[in-house]
Protein backbone atom coordinates (compact mmCIF):
# COMPACT_ATOMS: atom_id res chain seq x y z
CA MET A 1 -17.20 1.43 15.51
CA SER A 2 -16.18 3.77 12.74
CA THR A 3 -18.51 4.54 9.87
CA THR A 4 -17.97 6.53 6.70
CA ARG A 5 -20.19 9.32 8.05
CA THR A 6 -18.30 9.44 11.35
CA ASP A 7 -14.96 9.45 9.56
CA ILE A 8 -16.04 12.32 7.31
CA VAL A 9 -17.22 14.38 10.28
CA THR A 10 -14.09 13.62 12.31
CA ASN A 11 -11.75 14.52 9.46
CA CYS A 12 -13.59 17.70 8.47
CA GLU A 13 -13.90 19.21 11.96
CA PRO A 14 -10.25 20.37 12.15
CA VAL A 15 -10.51 21.89 8.67
CA PHE A 16 -13.53 23.96 9.69
CA ASP A 17 -11.85 24.83 12.99
CA ARG A 18 -8.68 26.09 11.27
CA ASN A 19 -10.20 27.77 8.22
CA GLY A 20 -13.77 28.68 9.13
CA PHE A 21 -17.00 27.33 7.71
CA ALA A 22 -17.74 29.72 4.88
CA ALA A 23 -14.12 29.90 3.66
CA THR A 24 -13.73 26.13 3.46
CA GLY A 25 -14.67 24.74 0.07
CA MET A 26 -15.97 21.30 -0.73
CA ASP A 27 -12.69 20.35 -2.41
CA ALA A 28 -10.80 20.90 0.87
CA LEU A 29 -13.45 18.94 2.78
CA THR A 30 -13.48 15.94 0.43
CA LYS A 31 -9.67 15.93 0.46
CA ALA A 32 -9.58 16.01 4.29
CA ALA A 33 -12.19 13.26 4.50
CA ASN A 34 -10.49 11.26 1.74
CA VAL A 35 -13.82 10.70 -0.01
CA SER A 36 -15.44 11.81 -3.22
CA SER A 37 -17.91 14.66 -3.19
CA ARG A 38 -20.58 12.12 -4.11
CA THR A 39 -19.79 10.09 -0.97
CA LEU A 40 -19.76 13.19 1.21
CA TYR A 41 -23.14 14.32 -0.13
CA LYS A 42 -24.54 10.79 0.18
CA HIS A 43 -23.70 10.64 3.90
CA LEU A 44 -24.29 14.26 4.93
CA GLY A 45 -26.52 15.78 2.27
CA SER A 46 -24.77 19.13 1.93
CA LYS A 47 -22.13 21.40 3.38
CA THR A 48 -24.80 22.60 5.80
CA GLY A 49 -25.49 19.01 6.83
CA LEU A 50 -21.77 18.48 7.37
CA THR A 51 -21.48 21.70 9.37
CA ILE A 52 -24.34 20.66 11.65
CA ALA A 53 -22.93 17.13 12.06
CA VAL A 54 -19.49 18.55 12.93
CA LEU A 55 -21.01 20.84 15.57
CA GLN A 56 -23.10 18.02 17.05
CA ALA A 57 -20.08 15.72 17.22
CA ARG A 58 -17.94 18.41 18.80
CA MET A 59 -20.62 19.15 21.37
CA GLU A 60 -20.84 15.50 22.38
CA ARG A 61 -17.07 15.18 22.53
CA PHE A 62 -16.74 18.37 24.59
CA PHE A 63 -19.32 17.34 27.17
CA SER A 64 -17.93 13.82 27.48
CA THR A 65 -14.40 15.22 27.90
CA CYS A 66 -15.11 18.16 30.20
CA THR A 67 -16.82 16.43 33.09
CA ALA A 68 -16.67 18.24 36.40
CA SER A 69 -18.13 18.51 39.87
CA THR A 70 -16.75 22.02 40.52
CA PHE A 71 -16.25 25.06 38.34
CA ASP A 72 -12.50 24.79 38.87
CA GLU A 73 -12.64 21.23 37.47
CA LEU A 74 -14.56 22.59 34.46
CA LEU A 75 -11.77 25.10 33.89
CA THR A 76 -9.25 22.27 34.17
CA GLY A 77 -11.24 20.41 31.52
CA LEU A 78 -11.22 23.53 29.32
CA GLU A 79 -7.48 23.84 29.83
CA ARG A 80 -6.96 20.22 28.72
CA TRP A 81 -9.32 20.76 25.78
CA ILE A 82 -7.34 23.81 24.66
CA GLU A 83 -4.05 21.93 25.00
CA ALA A 84 -5.37 19.09 22.84
CA GLU A 85 -7.50 21.07 20.36
CA GLY A 86 -5.77 24.42 20.22
CA ALA A 87 -7.11 27.84 21.11
CA ARG A 88 -8.99 29.48 18.29
CA GLY A 89 -12.02 30.63 20.24
CA CYS A 90 -15.42 28.97 20.42
CA LEU A 91 -16.24 26.95 17.30
CA PHE A 92 -19.96 27.30 18.07
CA LEU A 93 -19.75 31.09 18.23
CA ARG A 94 -17.78 31.16 14.98
CA ALA A 95 -20.29 28.85 13.27
CA GLN A 96 -23.17 31.05 14.43
CA GLY A 97 -21.41 34.08 13.03
CA GLU A 98 -20.99 32.40 9.65
CA ALA A 99 -24.37 30.64 9.52
CA ASP A 100 -26.09 33.22 7.33
CA THR A 101 -23.20 33.23 4.87
CA LEU A 102 -23.53 29.45 4.65
CA GLY A 103 -27.28 29.58 4.22
CA ALA A 104 -27.44 27.34 7.28
CA GLY A 105 -28.93 29.74 9.80
CA ALA A 106 -31.71 27.68 11.39
CA GLY A 107 -29.86 24.36 11.54
CA VAL A 108 -26.66 25.84 12.94
CA SER A 109 -28.61 28.04 15.37
CA THR A 110 -30.41 24.98 16.73
CA VAL A 111 -27.15 23.15 17.48
CA VAL A 112 -25.52 26.26 18.94
CA ALA A 113 -28.56 26.86 21.17
CA GLU A 114 -28.38 23.25 22.37
CA TYR A 115 -24.68 23.62 23.18
CA ARG A 116 -25.34 26.85 25.09
CA ARG A 117 -28.27 25.28 26.96
CA ARG A 118 -26.17 22.29 28.00
CA LEU A 119 -23.26 24.50 29.08
CA ARG A 120 -25.56 26.71 31.16
CA GLU A 121 -27.18 23.60 32.67
CA LEU A 122 -23.75 22.18 33.58
CA ILE A 123 -22.69 25.43 35.22
CA GLY A 124 -26.00 25.52 37.11
CA TYR A 125 -25.30 22.01 38.39
CA LEU A 126 -21.80 23.07 39.47
CA VAL A 127 -23.16 26.08 41.39
CA VAL A 128 -25.63 23.87 43.26
CA ASN A 129 -22.90 21.32 43.89
CA GLU A 130 -20.52 23.95 45.28
CA LEU A 131 -22.94 26.24 47.13
CA GLY A 132 -25.83 23.91 47.89
CA ARG A 133 -28.37 26.21 46.23
CA GLU A 134 -29.40 27.60 42.86
CA ASP A 135 -28.22 31.07 41.86
CA ASP A 136 -29.07 32.23 38.34
CA THR A 137 -26.99 35.40 38.58
CA LEU A 138 -23.94 33.44 39.67
CA CYS A 139 -24.52 30.97 36.82
CA ASP A 140 -24.55 33.85 34.34
CA GLU A 141 -21.35 35.29 35.80
CA LEU A 142 -19.57 31.92 35.63
CA LEU A 143 -20.84 31.35 32.09
CA ILE A 144 -19.35 34.69 31.06
CA ILE A 145 -16.06 33.76 32.74
CA PHE A 146 -16.00 30.40 30.94
CA GLU A 147 -16.85 31.92 27.56
CA GLY A 148 -14.31 34.68 28.12
CA ALA A 149 -11.59 32.15 28.93
CA THR A 150 -12.46 30.17 25.80
CA SER A 151 -12.15 33.28 23.65
CA THR A 152 -9.13 34.93 25.25
CA ALA A 153 -7.11 31.72 25.30
CA SER A 154 -6.63 32.33 21.57
CA TYR A 155 -4.32 35.25 22.36
CA LEU A 156 -3.48 34.94 26.08
CA GLY A 157 -2.78 31.22 26.05
CA PRO A 158 -2.75 29.50 29.47
CA ARG A 159 -2.98 32.88 31.24
CA ALA A 160 -6.64 32.97 30.20
CA ILE A 161 -7.42 29.94 32.36
CA THR A 162 -5.40 31.36 35.26
CA ALA A 163 -7.33 34.63 35.04
CA ALA A 164 -10.64 32.75 34.77
CA ARG A 165 -9.81 30.78 37.91
CA SER A 166 -9.09 33.99 39.80
CA ALA A 167 -12.29 35.65 38.59
CA ALA A 168 -14.36 32.54 39.33
CA GLY A 169 -12.88 32.33 42.83
CA ALA A 170 -13.94 35.91 43.53
CA VAL A 171 -17.42 35.37 42.09
CA LEU A 172 -17.94 32.10 43.97
CA THR A 173 -16.74 33.63 47.24
CA LYS A 174 -19.14 36.53 46.74
CA GLY A 175 -21.96 34.07 46.05
CA ASP A 176 -21.25 31.91 49.10
CA PRO A 177 -23.21 33.27 52.09
CA CYS A 178 -20.87 31.46 54.49
CA THR A 179 -17.89 33.64 53.49
CA CYS A 180 -19.60 37.04 53.74
């Protein structure tokens, strides 16, 4: 069921993604959402409130879209995400970088930290699922590979996912005691 708030958030996310958070003015946001500034403020409180709502919605959409039982499946999900959404790097990282300029530091940081926690938790689950044991170092390495693929896809395109698969294969093989 669509609501005015949901519609505003959905319509403003691509504007932030294309133009950045600080550089996007309220006129562009109200135009994209097809609402008055009064309506936008009524439903989201401020540009900071809208920024946080956009990040929360994107996080939920990402995790519901990129389901996986292996790291390779997670990379396949990232590949599909990039095909559908485009490759402009991590929106959460960009929002964190602009948070102080927006005057939204704490609120944005909280959402970004939650996204990072959930991503790290998912990768931890995938490591246990693939290797049958926890391995924090391996989780960190795979997280770096995932984040690197997200970032480099903006200029390497699909080759970033191919390279991430190769790197992940090497890291997972190294981490699997059965293959040593």
